[in-house]
N, C-alpha and C. Protein backbone atom coordinates (compact mmCIF):
# COMPACT_ATOMS: atom_id res chain seq x y z
N MET A 1 71.63 287.86 202.43
CA MET A 1 71.66 286.74 203.38
C MET A 1 70.36 285.97 203.26
N SER A 2 70.48 284.68 203.05
CA SER A 2 69.29 283.86 202.85
C SER A 2 68.63 283.55 204.17
N ALA A 3 67.33 283.29 204.10
CA ALA A 3 66.60 282.95 205.31
C ALA A 3 66.96 281.56 205.77
N ALA A 4 66.96 281.38 207.07
CA ALA A 4 67.28 280.07 207.63
C ALA A 4 66.19 279.08 207.27
N SER A 5 66.60 277.89 206.92
CA SER A 5 65.64 276.86 206.51
C SER A 5 64.96 276.21 207.70
N GLY A 6 65.53 276.36 208.88
CA GLY A 6 64.94 275.73 210.05
C GLY A 6 65.37 274.29 210.24
N ARG A 7 66.18 273.78 209.30
CA ARG A 7 66.64 272.40 209.41
C ARG A 7 68.08 272.39 209.88
N ALA A 8 68.36 271.62 210.94
CA ALA A 8 69.70 271.57 211.50
C ALA A 8 70.66 270.92 210.51
N LYS A 9 71.89 271.41 210.52
CA LYS A 9 72.91 270.87 209.64
C LYS A 9 73.28 269.46 210.07
N ALA A 10 73.46 268.57 209.07
CA ALA A 10 73.84 267.19 209.36
C ALA A 10 75.26 266.98 208.87
N PRO A 11 76.25 267.06 209.75
CA PRO A 11 77.64 266.91 209.32
C PRO A 11 77.94 265.47 208.91
N ARG A 12 78.84 265.34 207.97
CA ARG A 12 79.26 264.01 207.53
C ARG A 12 80.02 263.33 208.65
N PRO A 13 79.73 262.04 208.93
CA PRO A 13 80.46 261.35 209.99
C PRO A 13 81.92 261.17 209.63
N ALA A 14 82.79 261.19 210.63
CA ALA A 14 84.22 261.04 210.41
C ALA A 14 84.53 259.59 210.07
N GLN A 15 85.12 259.36 208.89
CA GLN A 15 85.51 258.02 208.48
C GLN A 15 86.79 258.10 207.68
N GLY A 16 87.29 256.93 207.29
CA GLY A 16 88.51 256.87 206.51
C GLY A 16 88.28 257.19 205.05
N ALA A 17 89.36 257.04 204.28
CA ALA A 17 89.29 257.37 202.86
C ALA A 17 88.35 256.45 202.09
N GLY A 18 88.08 255.26 202.64
CA GLY A 18 87.25 254.29 201.94
C GLY A 18 85.77 254.40 202.25
N SER A 19 85.35 255.48 202.91
CA SER A 19 83.94 255.61 203.28
C SER A 19 83.08 255.95 202.08
N LEU A 20 81.89 255.35 202.02
CA LEU A 20 80.97 255.55 200.91
C LEU A 20 79.59 255.90 201.43
N ARG A 21 78.92 256.82 200.74
CA ARG A 21 77.53 257.12 201.05
C ARG A 21 76.68 256.14 200.25
N VAL A 22 75.89 255.30 200.94
CA VAL A 22 75.22 254.20 200.24
C VAL A 22 73.70 254.25 200.30
N GLY A 23 73.12 255.13 201.13
CA GLY A 23 71.67 255.16 201.17
C GLY A 23 71.13 256.15 202.18
N ARG A 24 69.80 256.26 202.19
CA ARG A 24 69.11 257.14 203.13
C ARG A 24 67.84 256.47 203.61
N LEU A 25 67.58 256.54 204.91
CA LEU A 25 66.35 255.98 205.48
C LEU A 25 65.21 256.93 205.16
N THR A 26 64.13 256.42 204.56
CA THR A 26 63.07 257.31 204.09
C THR A 26 61.79 257.24 204.91
N LYS A 27 61.26 256.05 205.18
CA LYS A 27 60.00 255.94 205.92
C LYS A 27 59.85 254.54 206.49
N PRO A 28 59.06 254.41 207.57
CA PRO A 28 58.85 253.08 208.16
C PRO A 28 58.11 252.15 207.21
N HIS A 29 58.35 250.86 207.39
CA HIS A 29 57.62 249.83 206.65
C HIS A 29 57.12 248.81 207.66
N GLY A 30 55.81 248.80 207.90
CA GLY A 30 55.26 247.86 208.87
C GLY A 30 55.54 248.28 210.30
N LEU A 31 55.32 247.34 211.22
CA LEU A 31 55.43 247.63 212.64
C LEU A 31 56.63 246.97 213.31
N LYS A 32 57.38 246.15 212.56
CA LYS A 32 58.43 245.34 213.17
C LYS A 32 59.83 245.83 212.85
N GLY A 33 59.99 247.13 212.66
CA GLY A 33 61.33 247.68 212.50
C GLY A 33 61.82 247.81 211.08
N GLY A 34 60.97 247.55 210.10
CA GLY A 34 61.40 247.74 208.72
C GLY A 34 61.45 249.21 208.36
N VAL A 35 62.41 249.57 207.52
CA VAL A 35 62.52 250.96 207.07
C VAL A 35 62.92 250.96 205.60
N LYS A 36 62.18 251.73 204.80
CA LYS A 36 62.50 251.84 203.38
C LYS A 36 63.79 252.62 203.19
N VAL A 37 64.55 252.20 202.19
CA VAL A 37 65.86 252.81 201.96
C VAL A 37 65.95 253.34 200.53
N GLU A 38 66.37 254.59 200.40
CA GLU A 38 66.72 255.14 199.10
C GLU A 38 68.19 254.82 198.85
N LEU A 39 68.46 253.98 197.87
CA LEU A 39 69.82 253.51 197.64
C LEU A 39 70.64 254.52 196.86
N TYR A 40 71.89 254.70 197.29
CA TYR A 40 72.85 255.53 196.57
C TYR A 40 73.97 254.66 195.99
N THR A 41 73.74 253.37 195.89
CA THR A 41 74.75 252.45 195.38
C THR A 41 74.14 251.54 194.34
N ASP A 42 74.96 251.16 193.36
CA ASP A 42 74.51 250.21 192.35
C ASP A 42 74.76 248.77 192.78
N ASN A 43 75.38 248.59 193.95
CA ASN A 43 75.72 247.25 194.42
C ASN A 43 75.21 247.02 195.84
N PRO A 44 73.89 247.05 196.03
CA PRO A 44 73.38 246.85 197.39
C PRO A 44 73.71 245.48 197.95
N GLU A 45 73.86 244.48 197.07
CA GLU A 45 74.18 243.13 197.55
C GLU A 45 75.57 243.06 198.15
N LEU A 46 76.43 244.02 197.83
CA LEU A 46 77.78 244.07 198.40
C LEU A 46 77.85 244.98 199.62
N ARG A 47 77.02 246.02 199.66
CA ARG A 47 77.07 246.99 200.76
C ARG A 47 76.14 246.61 201.90
N PHE A 48 74.93 246.12 201.55
CA PHE A 48 73.93 245.83 202.57
C PHE A 48 73.92 244.34 202.88
N VAL A 49 74.97 243.89 203.53
CA VAL A 49 75.08 242.48 203.92
C VAL A 49 74.80 242.36 205.42
N PRO A 50 74.23 241.24 205.87
CA PRO A 50 73.98 241.07 207.30
C PRO A 50 75.24 241.30 208.12
N GLY A 51 75.13 242.11 209.15
CA GLY A 51 76.27 242.43 210.00
C GLY A 51 77.00 243.70 209.61
N ALA A 52 76.66 244.29 208.46
CA ALA A 52 77.31 245.54 208.04
C ALA A 52 76.95 246.66 209.01
N VAL A 53 77.93 247.49 209.34
CA VAL A 53 77.74 248.59 210.29
C VAL A 53 77.78 249.91 209.53
N PHE A 54 76.76 250.73 209.73
CA PHE A 54 76.63 251.99 209.02
C PHE A 54 76.79 253.17 209.97
N GLN A 55 77.62 254.13 209.58
CA GLN A 55 77.70 255.42 210.27
C GLN A 55 76.53 256.27 209.79
N LEU A 56 76.03 257.13 210.66
CA LEU A 56 74.84 257.92 210.33
C LEU A 56 75.18 259.40 210.18
N GLN A 57 74.70 259.98 209.09
CA GLN A 57 74.80 261.43 208.91
C GLN A 57 73.46 262.02 209.31
N VAL A 58 73.42 262.61 210.49
CA VAL A 58 72.20 263.19 211.06
C VAL A 58 72.56 264.51 211.72
N PRO A 59 71.57 265.36 212.00
CA PRO A 59 71.85 266.61 212.72
C PRO A 59 72.49 266.34 214.08
N GLU A 60 73.27 267.30 214.55
CA GLU A 60 73.98 267.12 215.81
C GLU A 60 73.03 267.00 217.00
N ASP A 61 71.81 267.51 216.87
CA ASP A 61 70.87 267.41 217.98
C ASP A 61 70.01 266.14 217.89
N SER A 62 70.28 265.28 216.92
CA SER A 62 69.54 264.03 216.79
C SER A 62 70.00 263.01 217.82
N GLN A 63 69.09 262.19 218.28
CA GLN A 63 69.46 261.13 219.23
C GLN A 63 70.38 260.09 218.58
N TRP A 64 70.46 260.11 217.25
CA TRP A 64 71.30 259.15 216.53
C TRP A 64 72.66 259.72 216.16
N PHE A 65 72.94 260.94 216.56
CA PHE A 65 74.23 261.55 216.23
C PHE A 65 75.36 260.77 216.91
N GLY A 66 76.37 260.40 216.12
CA GLY A 66 77.51 259.67 216.66
C GLY A 66 77.28 258.19 216.86
N ARG A 67 76.11 257.69 216.48
CA ARG A 67 75.80 256.27 216.67
C ARG A 67 75.84 255.53 215.33
N THR A 68 75.71 254.22 215.40
CA THR A 68 75.75 253.39 214.20
C THR A 68 74.54 252.47 214.15
N LEU A 69 74.29 251.91 212.98
CA LEU A 69 73.24 250.91 212.79
C LEU A 69 73.87 249.65 212.21
N THR A 70 73.46 248.51 212.75
CA THR A 70 73.95 247.22 212.28
C THR A 70 72.85 246.51 211.51
N LEU A 71 73.12 246.17 210.28
CA LEU A 71 72.09 245.56 209.43
C LEU A 71 71.83 244.12 209.81
N ARG A 72 70.56 243.81 210.01
CA ARG A 72 70.15 242.42 210.21
C ARG A 72 69.79 241.77 208.89
N GLU A 73 69.09 242.53 208.04
CA GLU A 73 68.65 241.96 206.76
C GLU A 73 68.15 243.07 205.84
N LEU A 74 68.32 242.86 204.55
CA LEU A 74 67.72 243.74 203.55
C LEU A 74 66.77 242.90 202.72
N ARG A 75 65.49 243.30 202.70
CA ARG A 75 64.48 242.59 201.90
C ARG A 75 63.97 243.52 200.81
N TRP A 76 63.29 242.92 199.84
CA TRP A 76 62.72 243.69 198.74
C TRP A 76 61.22 243.48 198.71
N PHE A 77 60.45 244.58 198.71
CA PHE A 77 59.00 244.53 198.63
C PHE A 77 58.58 245.38 197.43
N ASN A 78 58.03 244.71 196.40
CA ASN A 78 57.62 245.43 195.18
C ASN A 78 58.75 246.30 194.65
N GLU A 79 59.94 245.72 194.59
CA GLU A 79 61.14 246.38 194.07
C GLU A 79 61.63 247.52 194.96
N THR A 80 61.10 247.62 196.16
CA THR A 80 61.56 248.64 197.12
C THR A 80 62.40 247.98 198.20
N PRO A 81 63.64 248.43 198.42
CA PRO A 81 64.46 247.84 199.46
C PRO A 81 63.99 248.26 200.85
N VAL A 82 63.86 247.29 201.73
CA VAL A 82 63.46 247.54 203.11
C VAL A 82 64.51 246.91 204.02
N ALA A 83 65.10 247.73 204.88
CA ALA A 83 66.16 247.27 205.76
C ALA A 83 65.63 247.03 207.17
N PHE A 84 66.27 246.07 207.84
CA PHE A 84 65.99 245.78 209.25
C PHE A 84 67.31 245.87 210.00
N PHE A 85 67.34 246.73 211.01
CA PHE A 85 68.57 246.96 211.77
C PHE A 85 68.39 246.48 213.21
N GLU A 86 69.50 246.04 213.81
CA GLU A 86 69.47 245.55 215.19
C GLU A 86 68.98 246.64 216.15
N GLU A 87 69.34 247.89 215.89
CA GLU A 87 69.03 248.99 216.81
C GLU A 87 67.64 249.58 216.59
N LEU A 88 66.91 249.10 215.58
CA LEU A 88 65.57 249.63 215.28
C LEU A 88 64.56 248.49 215.38
N PRO A 89 64.12 248.13 216.58
CA PRO A 89 63.26 246.95 216.75
C PRO A 89 61.81 247.16 216.37
N ASP A 90 61.36 248.42 216.29
CA ASP A 90 59.94 248.65 216.03
C ASP A 90 59.74 249.96 215.25
N ARG A 91 58.50 250.24 214.93
CA ARG A 91 58.19 251.42 214.12
C ARG A 91 58.57 252.72 214.82
N THR A 92 58.38 252.78 216.13
CA THR A 92 58.71 253.99 216.87
C THR A 92 60.20 254.32 216.75
N ALA A 93 61.04 253.29 216.89
CA ALA A 93 62.48 253.50 216.75
C ALA A 93 62.83 253.94 215.34
N VAL A 94 62.17 253.33 214.35
CA VAL A 94 62.44 253.70 212.95
C VAL A 94 62.10 255.16 212.70
N GLU A 95 60.96 255.61 213.23
CA GLU A 95 60.53 256.99 213.00
C GLU A 95 61.55 257.99 213.53
N SER A 96 62.27 257.60 214.58
CA SER A 96 63.27 258.52 215.14
C SER A 96 64.52 258.62 214.26
N GLY A 97 64.68 257.67 213.34
CA GLY A 97 65.89 257.66 212.52
C GLY A 97 65.69 257.95 211.05
N VAL A 98 64.44 258.22 210.63
CA VAL A 98 64.22 258.49 209.20
C VAL A 98 64.97 259.75 208.78
N ARG A 99 65.35 259.76 207.52
CA ARG A 99 66.14 260.82 206.87
C ARG A 99 67.63 260.72 207.17
N ALA A 100 68.01 259.75 208.01
CA ALA A 100 69.44 259.55 208.24
C ALA A 100 70.11 259.04 206.97
N ILE A 101 71.28 259.57 206.66
CA ILE A 101 72.06 259.12 205.51
C ILE A 101 73.06 258.07 206.00
N LEU A 102 73.17 256.98 205.26
CA LEU A 102 74.00 255.86 205.66
C LEU A 102 75.36 255.92 204.97
N TRP A 103 76.40 255.82 205.78
CA TRP A 103 77.77 255.75 205.28
C TRP A 103 78.39 254.44 205.74
N ILE A 104 79.23 253.86 204.90
CA ILE A 104 79.86 252.59 205.25
C ILE A 104 81.33 252.63 204.86
N ASP A 105 82.14 251.94 205.65
CA ASP A 105 83.57 251.82 205.36
C ASP A 105 83.75 250.63 204.43
N GLU A 106 84.04 250.90 203.17
CA GLU A 106 84.15 249.83 202.17
C GLU A 106 85.22 248.81 202.55
N ASP A 107 86.34 249.26 203.11
CA ASP A 107 87.40 248.35 203.48
C ASP A 107 86.95 247.42 204.60
N ALA A 108 86.17 247.97 205.55
CA ALA A 108 85.69 247.14 206.66
C ALA A 108 84.72 246.09 206.17
N VAL A 109 83.90 246.45 205.19
CA VAL A 109 82.95 245.48 204.64
C VAL A 109 83.70 244.33 203.98
N ALA A 110 84.72 244.67 203.20
CA ALA A 110 85.47 243.64 202.49
C ALA A 110 86.20 242.72 203.46
N ALA A 111 86.69 243.29 204.59
CA ALA A 111 87.47 242.49 205.52
C ALA A 111 86.61 241.74 206.51
N GLY A 112 85.43 242.28 206.84
CA GLY A 112 84.66 241.70 207.92
C GLY A 112 83.32 241.12 207.57
N ALA A 113 83.02 240.95 206.29
CA ALA A 113 81.72 240.38 205.91
C ALA A 113 81.59 238.98 206.48
N GLU A 114 80.44 238.67 207.05
CA GLU A 114 80.22 237.39 207.68
C GLU A 114 80.12 236.29 206.63
N GLU A 115 80.86 235.19 206.87
CA GLU A 115 80.77 234.06 205.97
C GLU A 115 79.45 233.34 206.14
N ASN A 116 78.99 233.24 207.37
CA ASN A 116 77.77 232.49 207.65
C ASN A 116 76.58 233.42 207.81
N ALA A 117 76.33 234.22 206.80
CA ALA A 117 75.18 235.13 206.80
C ALA A 117 74.50 235.05 205.45
N TRP A 118 73.18 234.88 205.50
CA TRP A 118 72.43 234.72 204.26
C TRP A 118 71.16 235.54 204.33
N TYR A 119 70.69 235.96 203.16
CA TYR A 119 69.38 236.58 203.06
C TYR A 119 68.31 235.49 203.11
N ASP A 120 67.10 235.88 203.52
CA ASP A 120 66.01 234.90 203.61
C ASP A 120 65.79 234.18 202.29
N HIS A 121 65.81 234.94 201.18
CA HIS A 121 65.50 234.31 199.89
C HIS A 121 66.55 233.28 199.49
N GLN A 122 67.75 233.33 200.09
CA GLN A 122 68.76 232.33 199.80
C GLN A 122 68.49 231.02 200.53
N LEU A 123 67.70 231.09 201.60
CA LEU A 123 67.43 229.91 202.42
C LEU A 123 66.12 229.23 202.07
N VAL A 124 65.12 230.02 201.69
CA VAL A 124 63.80 229.46 201.39
C VAL A 124 63.92 228.54 200.17
N GLY A 125 63.38 227.33 200.32
CA GLY A 125 63.42 226.35 199.24
C GLY A 125 64.54 225.34 199.35
N LEU A 126 65.49 225.56 200.28
CA LEU A 126 66.59 224.62 200.42
C LEU A 126 66.11 223.31 201.04
N SER A 127 66.72 222.22 200.61
CA SER A 127 66.42 220.90 201.16
C SER A 127 67.10 220.75 202.52
N VAL A 128 66.34 220.30 203.51
CA VAL A 128 66.87 220.09 204.87
C VAL A 128 67.17 218.60 205.05
N ARG A 129 68.41 218.29 205.39
CA ARG A 129 68.84 216.90 205.47
C ARG A 129 69.61 216.64 206.76
N ARG A 130 69.66 215.36 207.10
CA ARG A 130 70.42 214.93 208.28
C ARG A 130 71.31 213.77 207.88
N GLU A 131 72.54 213.79 208.38
CA GLU A 131 73.46 212.68 208.12
C GLU A 131 73.24 211.58 209.15
N ASP A 132 72.99 210.37 208.65
CA ASP A 132 72.76 209.23 209.53
C ASP A 132 73.85 208.19 209.28
N PRO A 133 74.48 207.65 210.33
CA PRO A 133 75.58 206.70 210.12
C PRO A 133 75.16 205.43 209.41
N GLU A 134 73.88 205.05 209.49
CA GLU A 134 73.41 203.83 208.85
C GLU A 134 72.69 204.11 207.54
N LEU A 135 71.85 205.14 207.52
CA LEU A 135 71.03 205.43 206.34
C LEU A 135 71.71 206.37 205.36
N GLY A 136 72.75 207.03 205.80
CA GLY A 136 73.37 208.03 204.94
C GLY A 136 72.69 209.38 205.12
N THR A 137 72.44 210.07 204.02
CA THR A 137 71.81 211.38 204.07
C THR A 137 70.30 211.23 203.99
N VAL A 138 69.61 211.68 205.02
CA VAL A 138 68.15 211.53 205.11
C VAL A 138 67.48 212.87 204.82
N GLU A 139 66.55 212.86 203.89
CA GLU A 139 65.78 214.07 203.55
C GLU A 139 64.71 214.28 204.62
N LEU A 140 64.70 215.48 205.23
CA LEU A 140 63.73 215.78 206.29
C LEU A 140 62.62 216.72 205.84
N GLY A 141 62.92 217.65 204.95
CA GLY A 141 61.90 218.61 204.52
C GLY A 141 62.52 219.73 203.72
N THR A 142 61.81 220.85 203.66
CA THR A 142 62.23 222.01 202.87
C THR A 142 62.02 223.28 203.67
N VAL A 143 62.98 224.19 203.61
CA VAL A 143 62.84 225.48 204.29
C VAL A 143 61.74 226.29 203.60
N ALA A 144 60.71 226.64 204.38
CA ALA A 144 59.58 227.41 203.83
C ALA A 144 59.65 228.88 204.21
N GLU A 145 60.31 229.19 205.33
CA GLU A 145 60.32 230.57 205.82
C GLU A 145 61.43 230.71 206.85
N VAL A 146 61.93 231.94 207.01
CA VAL A 146 62.86 232.26 208.08
C VAL A 146 62.16 233.24 209.01
N GLN A 147 62.05 232.87 210.28
CA GLN A 147 61.38 233.72 211.26
C GLN A 147 62.43 234.38 212.14
N HIS A 148 62.31 235.70 212.32
CA HIS A 148 63.30 236.46 213.07
C HIS A 148 62.75 236.87 214.44
N PHE A 149 63.51 236.56 215.48
CA PHE A 149 63.14 236.91 216.84
C PHE A 149 64.36 237.50 217.54
N PRO A 150 64.15 238.28 218.61
CA PRO A 150 65.29 238.88 219.30
C PRO A 150 66.31 237.86 219.80
N ALA A 151 65.83 236.72 220.31
CA ALA A 151 66.75 235.73 220.87
C ALA A 151 67.51 234.98 219.79
N GLN A 152 66.80 234.55 218.74
CA GLN A 152 67.42 233.79 217.67
C GLN A 152 66.47 233.70 216.49
N ASP A 153 67.00 233.31 215.35
CA ASP A 153 66.17 233.08 214.17
C ASP A 153 65.75 231.62 214.12
N LEU A 154 64.63 231.36 213.46
CA LEU A 154 64.11 230.00 213.31
C LEU A 154 63.89 229.70 211.84
N LEU A 155 64.24 228.48 211.43
CA LEU A 155 63.90 228.00 210.10
C LEU A 155 62.58 227.25 210.19
N SER A 156 61.59 227.69 209.44
CA SER A 156 60.31 226.99 209.36
C SER A 156 60.44 225.95 208.26
N VAL A 157 60.44 224.67 208.64
CA VAL A 157 60.70 223.58 207.71
C VAL A 157 59.42 222.79 207.47
N HIS A 158 59.02 222.68 206.22
CA HIS A 158 57.87 221.85 205.86
C HIS A 158 58.33 220.41 205.72
N THR A 159 57.68 219.50 206.48
CA THR A 159 58.01 218.09 206.44
C THR A 159 56.73 217.29 206.16
N PRO A 160 56.85 216.00 205.86
CA PRO A 160 55.64 215.18 205.66
C PRO A 160 54.73 215.16 206.88
N GLY A 161 55.29 215.37 208.07
CA GLY A 161 54.48 215.35 209.27
C GLY A 161 53.98 216.70 209.72
N GLY A 162 54.30 217.77 208.98
CA GLY A 162 53.88 219.12 209.37
C GLY A 162 55.05 220.08 209.36
N THR A 163 54.85 221.24 209.97
CA THR A 163 55.89 222.27 210.01
C THR A 163 56.72 222.14 211.28
N VAL A 164 58.03 222.20 211.13
CA VAL A 164 58.95 222.11 212.26
C VAL A 164 59.77 223.40 212.31
N LEU A 165 59.87 224.00 213.49
CA LEU A 165 60.67 225.21 213.68
C LEU A 165 62.04 224.80 214.22
N VAL A 166 63.06 225.10 213.44
CA VAL A 166 64.42 224.69 213.77
C VAL A 166 65.23 225.91 214.19
N PRO A 167 65.78 225.94 215.40
CA PRO A 167 66.64 227.06 215.81
C PRO A 167 67.82 227.21 214.84
N PHE A 168 67.97 228.41 214.29
CA PHE A 168 69.02 228.64 213.30
C PHE A 168 70.31 229.01 214.03
N VAL A 169 70.89 228.01 214.67
CA VAL A 169 72.15 228.18 215.40
C VAL A 169 73.11 227.11 214.90
N GLU A 170 74.40 227.38 215.04
CA GLU A 170 75.40 226.49 214.46
C GLU A 170 75.36 225.09 215.04
N ALA A 171 74.98 224.97 216.32
CA ALA A 171 74.94 223.66 216.94
C ALA A 171 73.91 222.74 216.30
N ILE A 172 72.83 223.33 215.75
CA ILE A 172 71.76 222.53 215.15
C ILE A 172 71.80 222.62 213.63
N VAL A 173 72.28 223.74 213.09
CA VAL A 173 72.39 223.91 211.63
C VAL A 173 73.86 224.18 211.32
N PRO A 174 74.69 223.13 211.27
CA PRO A 174 76.12 223.34 211.09
C PRO A 174 76.54 223.68 209.67
N SER A 175 75.68 223.39 208.69
CA SER A 175 76.08 223.60 207.30
C SER A 175 74.93 224.12 206.46
N VAL A 176 75.20 225.21 205.72
CA VAL A 176 74.24 225.78 204.77
C VAL A 176 74.97 225.97 203.45
N ASP A 177 74.44 225.39 202.39
CA ASP A 177 75.06 225.49 201.07
C ASP A 177 74.01 225.88 200.04
N PRO A 178 73.77 227.20 199.87
CA PRO A 178 72.75 227.64 198.91
C PRO A 178 73.02 227.18 197.49
N GLU A 179 74.30 227.09 197.10
CA GLU A 179 74.61 226.68 195.73
C GLU A 179 74.20 225.23 195.49
N ALA A 180 74.38 224.38 196.50
CA ALA A 180 73.97 222.98 196.38
C ALA A 180 72.50 222.79 196.72
N GLY A 181 71.88 223.83 197.31
CA GLY A 181 70.48 223.75 197.67
C GLY A 181 70.21 222.91 198.90
N VAL A 182 71.17 222.86 199.83
CA VAL A 182 71.07 221.94 200.96
C VAL A 182 71.39 222.63 202.28
N VAL A 183 70.60 222.28 203.30
CA VAL A 183 70.89 222.64 204.69
C VAL A 183 71.07 221.34 205.47
N ILE A 184 72.19 221.19 206.15
CA ILE A 184 72.42 220.02 206.98
C ILE A 184 72.12 220.38 208.43
N VAL A 185 71.32 219.54 209.10
CA VAL A 185 70.96 219.79 210.49
C VAL A 185 71.39 218.61 211.36
N THR A 186 71.60 218.92 212.63
CA THR A 186 71.86 217.88 213.65
C THR A 186 70.81 218.08 214.74
N PRO A 187 69.57 217.69 214.47
CA PRO A 187 68.46 218.01 215.38
C PRO A 187 68.50 217.19 216.66
N PRO A 188 68.06 217.78 217.76
CA PRO A 188 67.93 217.01 218.99
C PRO A 188 66.83 215.98 218.84
N PRO A 189 66.84 214.92 219.64
CA PRO A 189 65.82 213.88 219.53
C PRO A 189 64.41 214.45 219.68
N GLY A 190 63.52 214.02 218.79
CA GLY A 190 62.12 214.42 218.89
C GLY A 190 61.76 215.66 218.10
N LEU A 191 62.75 216.37 217.55
CA LEU A 191 62.43 217.60 216.82
C LEU A 191 61.69 217.29 215.52
N PHE A 192 62.15 216.24 214.81
CA PHE A 192 61.51 215.84 213.56
C PHE A 192 60.82 214.49 213.72
N ASP A 193 59.72 214.31 212.96
CA ASP A 193 59.11 213.00 212.82
C ASP A 193 59.85 212.29 211.70
N GLU A 194 60.99 211.70 212.05
CA GLU A 194 61.87 211.19 211.01
C GLU A 194 61.35 209.93 210.34
N SER A 195 60.47 209.18 210.99
CA SER A 195 59.91 208.00 210.33
C SER A 195 59.12 208.42 209.10
N ALA A 196 58.34 209.53 209.23
CA ALA A 196 57.58 210.03 208.09
C ALA A 196 58.51 210.60 207.03
N ALA A 197 59.56 211.30 207.48
CA ALA A 197 60.48 211.91 206.53
C ALA A 197 61.22 210.85 205.73
N ILE A 198 61.66 209.78 206.41
CA ILE A 198 62.39 208.72 205.72
C ILE A 198 61.51 208.01 204.71
N GLU A 199 60.25 207.74 205.09
CA GLU A 199 59.35 207.07 204.17
C GLU A 199 59.04 207.94 202.96
N ALA A 200 58.95 209.25 203.18
CA ALA A 200 58.59 210.16 202.09
C ALA A 200 59.74 210.34 201.13
N GLY A 201 60.96 210.53 201.66
CA GLY A 201 62.08 210.86 200.79
C GLY A 201 63.15 209.80 200.74
N GLY A 202 63.24 208.99 201.78
CA GLY A 202 64.30 208.01 201.83
C GLY A 202 65.65 208.69 201.93
N PRO A 203 66.72 207.91 201.86
CA PRO A 203 68.04 208.51 201.82
C PRO A 203 68.17 209.42 200.61
N ALA A 204 68.63 210.65 200.82
CA ALA A 204 68.70 211.61 199.73
C ALA A 204 69.84 211.28 198.77
N SER A 205 70.96 210.86 199.33
CA SER A 205 72.09 210.47 198.50
C SER A 205 73.07 209.74 199.38
N GLY A 206 73.74 208.77 198.81
CA GLY A 206 74.74 208.05 199.58
C GLY A 206 74.13 207.28 200.72
N GLY A 207 72.88 206.92 200.64
CA GLY A 207 72.20 206.24 201.73
C GLY A 207 72.36 204.76 201.63
N SER A 208 71.45 204.03 202.25
CA SER A 208 71.50 202.58 202.27
C SER A 208 71.39 202.03 200.87
N ALA A 209 72.15 201.01 200.56
CA ALA A 209 72.13 200.43 199.23
C ALA A 209 70.88 199.62 199.00
N ASN A 210 70.23 199.14 200.06
CA ASN A 210 69.04 198.32 199.93
C ASN A 210 67.81 199.18 200.05
N ALA A 211 67.05 199.32 198.96
CA ALA A 211 65.90 200.20 198.95
C ALA A 211 64.79 199.70 199.84
N ASP A 212 64.80 198.36 200.15
CA ASP A 212 63.70 197.83 200.96
C ASP A 212 63.97 197.92 202.44
N GLU A 213 65.12 198.49 202.83
CA GLU A 213 65.40 198.67 204.24
C GLU A 213 64.66 199.90 204.73
N SER A 214 63.71 199.72 205.63
CA SER A 214 62.92 200.82 206.16
C SER A 214 62.66 200.55 207.62
N PRO A 215 62.30 201.56 208.40
CA PRO A 215 62.04 201.36 209.83
C PRO A 215 60.93 200.35 210.04
N ALA A 216 61.09 199.57 211.08
CA ALA A 216 60.10 198.53 211.38
C ALA A 216 58.84 199.11 211.96
N GLU A 217 58.95 200.32 212.53
CA GLU A 217 57.78 200.90 213.17
C GLU A 217 57.39 202.18 212.45
N GLY A 218 56.18 202.63 212.71
CA GLY A 218 55.71 203.90 212.17
C GLY A 218 55.59 203.89 210.67
N GLU A 219 55.05 202.79 210.07
CA GLU A 219 55.01 202.66 208.63
C GLU A 219 53.73 203.20 208.01
N SER A 220 53.09 204.12 208.67
CA SER A 220 51.93 204.76 208.06
C SER A 220 52.41 205.79 207.07
N GLY A 221 52.07 205.60 205.78
CA GLY A 221 52.58 206.46 204.72
C GLY A 221 52.03 207.86 204.83
N PRO A 222 52.72 208.83 204.24
CA PRO A 222 52.25 210.22 204.29
C PRO A 222 50.98 210.39 203.49
N THR A 223 50.13 211.29 203.95
CA THR A 223 48.90 211.57 203.23
C THR A 223 49.18 212.49 202.07
N ALA A 224 48.33 212.45 201.07
CA ALA A 224 48.54 213.27 199.89
C ALA A 224 48.23 214.71 200.19
């Protein structure tokens, strides 16, 4: 009879025939809820999508037994995958869940993957534009960063007049097209210094046919 290892048994979570073991939480990364993941899949871009729900294989006496984790984002740091989950807001929470093995229902992922979910690297660098009934498509700036907060995410947009934080909600950002490299926004009045943006970029496409048509006011050109 072998000696007891002292480690509690971690039973496999009950799932359907399509369940897959895709990773294991290894150690915290930073203070804001990041956790390094040892991947057990060759297709993390298909398994670790925003909104994916993971069953946890943990000991029965763990506080995470019978619970799930919902992925907010998977980032890469020096070729190491780091996951951020809705239920792990800080380092303390992450430490309580390390060594958990992640299982996912492949059929549920295929059926329920969010259409309007993107990784940060898919958004950074996209052109931010606004549709104007008179000017056509107006170039406002470029997405420089995505900032994550409990209430909502923000797009940090570099414009000729400075940095603008745009709430990443459908009412203000109705269209995101990474393949075309464009984000369409419907900003509330005053959010952007559009006189500077129009002078810097003009109509991006399909705009006014007359190139000399410009706002009568605010004609101070952007600084280099």
